[in-house]
Structure formats: structure tokens, C-alpha cells
């Protein structure tokens, strides 16, 4: 989760810096920010770390549930949303590598993916409180 939050933060910085560069309103702050290419690479790297972590955690969760009981449902909302998040971030990594989706488009997709993660966490806490 923290890797995805870092990617969100880096994507927001990317979009802000790109907007400043496009509007030619270069102030002292722009020169202190890292280059856009570095922000993009750091965002992709943090997503990759998050993907590996969530994939390992999900696989271990399936094994653990199988050991506890032979009954489990692949249609549990937690599993479905976790797999959706995995697919969205894999899609982000695939598209961010292409020329058409580099830069601002990829950053927007990363922000959208994190909103899905946040909605999933909010929904999980709401369900567990009920």
C-alpha cells in the first residue's frame, strides 16, 4: 500500500511540474524538483515493488485459507478487488512503457488506480465495522 501511495505522490508531483513547465511559469520551485523522467521511473519502480508485495501477500493468503479450511470462495469481495487492483497496476506498467501512454497519461492512470485502492480500503473498513 505504501508503495502505491509513493507512486501517487510522485505522479502528483509529475503532473504539477509538467503543468508549470507547459505554462512557462517557471519559478524557484521547478528547479528544485527532479526531472520528469526521473519521477516517471521512480513511480514505475514503486508500483513494481507494490505489485510484487501484493501478489506475494495474495498468494500466501490463498495458501493460508486453504490450510485453515477446504472451503473458500474466489468471489469474496476482498479477493476480487485485490485482483482488480493487481490488474490495473499491471495495465499501468504495460501502458507506461509505450510511447503513447508515457508521462501525464500514465500519471493520471496511476492516480486513478490509487483511488480504486483507497475506495477498496474504505469499503473494507466500512464492511468490517458493520
C-alpha atoms as a PDB file:
ATOM      1  CA  UNK A   1       0.000   0.000   0.000  1.00  0.00           C
ATOM      2  CA  UNK A   2       2.810   2.401   0.838  1.00  0.00           C
ATOM      3  CA  UNK A   3       4.480   1.741  -2.491  1.00  0.00           C
ATOM      4  CA  UNK A   4       1.252   2.697  -4.258  1.00  0.00           C
ATOM      5  CA  UNK A   5       0.950   5.812  -2.075  1.00  0.00           C
ATOM      6  CA  UNK A   6       4.503   6.781  -3.028  1.00  0.00           C
ATOM      7  CA  UNK A   7       3.603   6.285  -6.673  1.00  0.00           C
ATOM      8  CA  UNK A   8       0.551   8.520  -6.201  1.00  0.00           C
ATOM      9  CA  UNK A   9       2.700  11.221  -4.621  1.00  0.00           C
ATOM     10  CA  UNK A  10       5.266  11.004  -7.435  1.00  0.00           C
ATOM     11  CA  UNK A  11       2.515  11.144 -10.074  1.00  0.00           C
ATOM     12  CA  UNK A  12       1.030  14.246  -8.467  1.00  0.00           C
ATOM     13  CA  UNK A  13       4.446  15.911  -8.460  1.00  0.00           C
ATOM     14  CA  UNK A  14       4.901  14.882 -12.102  1.00  0.00           C
ATOM     15  CA  UNK A  15       1.582  16.438 -13.141  1.00  0.00           C
ATOM     16  CA  UNK A  16       2.247  19.623 -11.173  1.00  0.00           C
ATOM     17  CA  UNK A  17       5.729  20.055 -12.566  1.00  0.00           C
ATOM     18  CA  UNK A  18       4.566  19.327 -16.104  1.00  0.00           C
ATOM     19  CA  UNK A  19       1.790  21.915 -15.782  1.00  0.00           C
ATOM     20  CA  UNK A  20       4.302  24.515 -14.604  1.00  0.00           C
ATOM     21  CA  UNK A  21       6.642  23.705 -17.485  1.00  0.00           C
ATOM     22  CA  UNK A  22       3.859  23.853 -20.090  1.00  0.00           C
ATOM     23  CA  UNK A  23       2.541  27.185 -18.823  1.00  0.00           C
ATOM     24  CA  UNK A  24       6.087  28.610 -18.795  1.00  0.00           C
ATOM     25  CA  UNK A  25       5.619  29.777 -15.219  1.00  0.00           C
ATOM     26  CA  UNK A  26       8.990  28.637 -14.057  1.00  0.00           C
ATOM     27  CA  UNK A  27       9.667  29.679 -10.525  1.00  0.00           C
ATOM     28  CA  UNK A  28      12.265  28.726  -7.977  1.00  0.00           C
ATOM     29  CA  UNK A  29      10.322  25.595  -7.069  1.00  0.00           C
ATOM     30  CA  UNK A  30      10.586  23.973 -10.514  1.00  0.00           C
ATOM     31  CA  UNK A  31      14.356  23.981 -10.378  1.00  0.00           C
ATOM     32  CA  UNK A  32      14.277  22.111  -7.059  1.00  0.00           C
ATOM     33  CA  UNK A  33      12.081  19.312  -8.382  1.00  0.00           C
ATOM     34  CA  UNK A  34      13.587  16.220 -10.005  1.00  0.00           C
ATOM     35  CA  UNK A  35      13.387  15.818 -13.800  1.00  0.00           C
ATOM     36  CA  UNK A  36      10.152  14.416 -15.220  1.00  0.00           C
ATOM     37  CA  UNK A  37      11.868  11.262 -16.488  1.00  0.00           C
ATOM     38  CA  UNK A  38      13.198  10.505 -13.008  1.00  0.00           C
ATOM     39  CA  UNK A  39       9.756  10.993 -11.456  1.00  0.00           C
ATOM     40  CA  UNK A  40       8.272   8.635 -14.023  1.00  0.00           C
ATOM     41  CA  UNK A  41      10.898   5.950 -13.396  1.00  0.00           C
ATOM     42  CA  UNK A  42      10.513   6.265  -9.627  1.00  0.00           C
ATOM     43  CA  UNK A  43       6.741   5.931  -9.941  1.00  0.00           C
ATOM     44  CA  UNK A  44       7.058   2.796 -12.059  1.00  0.00           C
ATOM     45  CA  UNK A  45       9.599   1.325  -9.638  1.00  0.00           C
ATOM     46  CA  UNK A  46       7.378   1.895  -6.627  1.00  0.00           C
ATOM     47  CA  UNK A  47       4.413   0.343  -8.458  1.00  0.00           C
ATOM     48  CA  UNK A  48       6.560  -2.683  -9.268  1.00  0.00           C
ATOM     49  CA  UNK A  49       7.505  -3.068  -5.587  1.00  0.00           C
ATOM     50  CA  UNK A  50       3.840  -2.734  -4.613  1.00  0.00           C
ATOM     51  CA  UNK A  51       2.775  -5.281  -7.227  1.00  0.00           C
ATOM     52  CA  UNK A  52       5.298  -7.842  -6.058  1.00  0.00           C
ATOM     53  CA  UNK A  53       4.265  -7.293  -2.438  1.00  0.00           C
ATOM     54  CA  UNK A  54       0.537  -7.554  -3.086  1.00  0.00           C
ATOM     55  CA  UNK A  55       1.000 -10.590  -5.340  1.00  0.00           C
ATOM     56  CA  UNK A  56       3.038 -12.424  -2.703  1.00  0.00           C
ATOM     57  CA  UNK A  57       0.568 -11.445   0.021  1.00  0.00           C
ATOM     58  CA  UNK A  58      -2.410 -12.595  -2.031  1.00  0.00           C
ATOM     59  CA  UNK A  59      -0.761 -15.900  -2.930  1.00  0.00           C
ATOM     60  CA  UNK A  60       0.144 -16.551   0.708  1.00  0.00           C
ATOM     61  CA  UNK A  61      -3.404 -15.618   1.703  1.00  0.00           C
ATOM     62  CA  UNK A  62      -4.821 -18.222  -0.691  1.00  0.00           C
ATOM     63  CA  UNK A  63      -2.465 -20.849   0.729  1.00  0.00           C
ATOM     64  CA  UNK A  64      -3.324 -19.894   4.306  1.00  0.00           C
ATOM     65  CA  UNK A  65      -7.076 -20.033   3.701  1.00  0.00           C
ATOM     66  CA  UNK A  66      -6.669 -23.403   2.029  1.00  0.00           C
ATOM     67  CA  UNK A  67      -4.767 -24.730   5.050  1.00  0.00           C
ATOM     68  CA  UNK A  68      -7.378 -23.448   7.514  1.00  0.00           C
ATOM     69  CA  UNK A  69     -10.371 -24.817   5.679  1.00  0.00           C
ATOM     70  CA  UNK A  70     -11.009 -26.554   2.439  1.00  0.00           C
ATOM     71  CA  UNK A  71     -13.851 -24.133   1.695  1.00  0.00           C
ATOM     72  CA  UNK A  72     -13.052 -20.747   0.261  1.00  0.00           C
ATOM     73  CA  UNK A  73     -14.638 -18.546  -2.276  1.00  0.00           C
ATOM     74  CA  UNK A  74     -12.804 -16.839  -5.100  1.00  0.00           C
ATOM     75  CA  UNK A  75     -15.749 -14.438  -5.256  1.00  0.00           C
ATOM     76  CA  UNK A  76     -15.030 -12.876  -1.873  1.00  0.00           C
ATOM     77  CA  UNK A  77     -15.099  -9.088  -2.438  1.00  0.00           C
ATOM     78  CA  UNK A  78     -11.626  -8.703  -0.925  1.00  0.00           C
ATOM     79  CA  UNK A  79     -10.139 -11.144  -3.433  1.00  0.00           C
ATOM     80  CA  UNK A  80     -11.997  -9.660  -6.367  1.00  0.00           C
ATOM     81  CA  UNK A  81     -10.933  -6.089  -5.579  1.00  0.00           C
ATOM     82  CA  UNK A  82      -7.350  -7.150  -4.836  1.00  0.00           C
ATOM     83  CA  UNK A  83      -7.141  -8.908  -8.187  1.00  0.00           C
ATOM     84  CA  UNK A  84      -8.689  -5.841  -9.842  1.00  0.00           C
ATOM     85  CA  UNK A  85      -6.013  -3.652  -8.261  1.00  0.00           C
ATOM     86  CA  UNK A  86      -3.329  -6.066  -9.448  1.00  0.00           C
ATOM     87  CA  UNK A  87      -4.694  -5.979 -12.983  1.00  0.00           C
ATOM     88  CA  UNK A  88      -4.977  -2.182 -13.027  1.00  0.00           C
ATOM     89  CA  UNK A  89      -1.398  -1.691 -11.888  1.00  0.00           C
ATOM     90  CA  UNK A  90      -0.111  -4.308 -14.351  1.00  0.00           C
ATOM     91  CA  UNK A  91      -2.014  -2.388 -17.024  1.00  0.00           C
ATOM     92  CA  UNK A  92      -0.341   0.804 -15.785  1.00  0.00           C
ATOM     93  CA  UNK A  93       3.124  -0.745 -16.076  1.00  0.00           C
ATOM     94  CA  UNK A  94       2.381  -2.101 -19.561  1.00  0.00           C
ATOM     95  CA  UNK A  95       0.926   1.178 -20.837  1.00  0.00           C
ATOM     96  CA  UNK A  96       3.549   3.380 -19.172  1.00  0.00           C
ATOM     97  CA  UNK A  97       6.183   1.563 -21.216  1.00  0.00           C
ATOM     98  CA  UNK A  98       4.593   2.567 -24.508  1.00  0.00           C
ATOM     99  CA  UNK A  99       5.228   5.901 -26.151  1.00  0.00           C
ATOM    100  CA  UNK A 100       1.570   6.924 -26.293  1.00  0.00           C
ATOM    101  CA  UNK A 101       0.964   6.448 -22.561  1.00  0.00           C
ATOM    102  CA  UNK A 102       4.148   7.904 -21.115  1.00  0.00           C
ATOM    103  CA  UNK A 103       4.075  10.977 -18.982  1.00  0.00           C
ATOM    104  CA  UNK A 104       0.868  12.665 -17.919  1.00  0.00           C
ATOM    105  CA  UNK A 105      -1.449   9.911 -19.172  1.00  0.00           C
ATOM    106  CA  UNK A 106       0.404   7.283 -17.189  1.00  0.00           C
ATOM    107  CA  UNK A 107       0.415   9.537 -14.124  1.00  0.00           C
ATOM    108  CA  UNK A 108      -3.345  10.033 -14.370  1.00  0.00           C
ATOM    109  CA  UNK A 109      -3.844   6.274 -14.669  1.00  0.00           C
ATOM    110  CA  UNK A 110      -1.670   5.755 -11.595  1.00  0.00           C
ATOM    111  CA  UNK A 111      -3.761   8.287  -9.652  1.00  0.00           C
ATOM    112  CA  UNK A 112      -6.966   6.553 -10.789  1.00  0.00           C
ATOM    113  CA  UNK A 113      -5.560   3.198  -9.661  1.00  0.00           C
ATOM    114  CA  UNK A 114      -4.759   4.601  -6.244  1.00  0.00           C
ATOM    115  CA  UNK A 115      -8.303   5.954  -5.943  1.00  0.00           C
ATOM    116  CA  UNK A 116      -9.511   2.382  -6.518  1.00  0.00           C
ATOM    117  CA  UNK A 117      -7.141   1.183  -3.781  1.00  0.00           C
ATOM    118  CA  UNK A 118      -8.436   3.891  -1.434  1.00  0.00           C
ATOM    119  CA  UNK A 119     -12.064   3.012  -2.190  1.00  0.00           C
ATOM    120  CA  UNK A 120     -11.283  -0.633  -1.534  1.00  0.00           C
ATOM    121  CA  UNK A 121      -9.705   0.159   1.821  1.00  0.00           C
ATOM    122  CA  UNK A 122     -12.584   2.449   2.784  1.00  0.00           C
ATOM    123  CA  UNK A 123     -15.089  -0.220   1.759  1.00  0.00           C
ATOM    124  CA  UNK A 124     -13.221  -2.895   3.685  1.00  0.00           C
ATOM    125  CA  UNK A 125     -13.251  -0.810   6.860  1.00  0.00           C
ATOM    126  CA  UNK A 126     -16.939   0.027   6.405  1.00  0.00           C
ATOM    127  CA  UNK A 127     -17.827  -3.625   5.955  1.00  0.00           C
ATOM    128  CA  UNK A 128     -15.793  -4.748   8.974  1.00  0.00           C
ATOM    129  CA  UNK A 129     -17.434  -2.103  11.185  1.00  0.00           C
ATOM    130  CA  UNK A 130     -20.938  -3.192  10.241  1.00  0.00           C
END
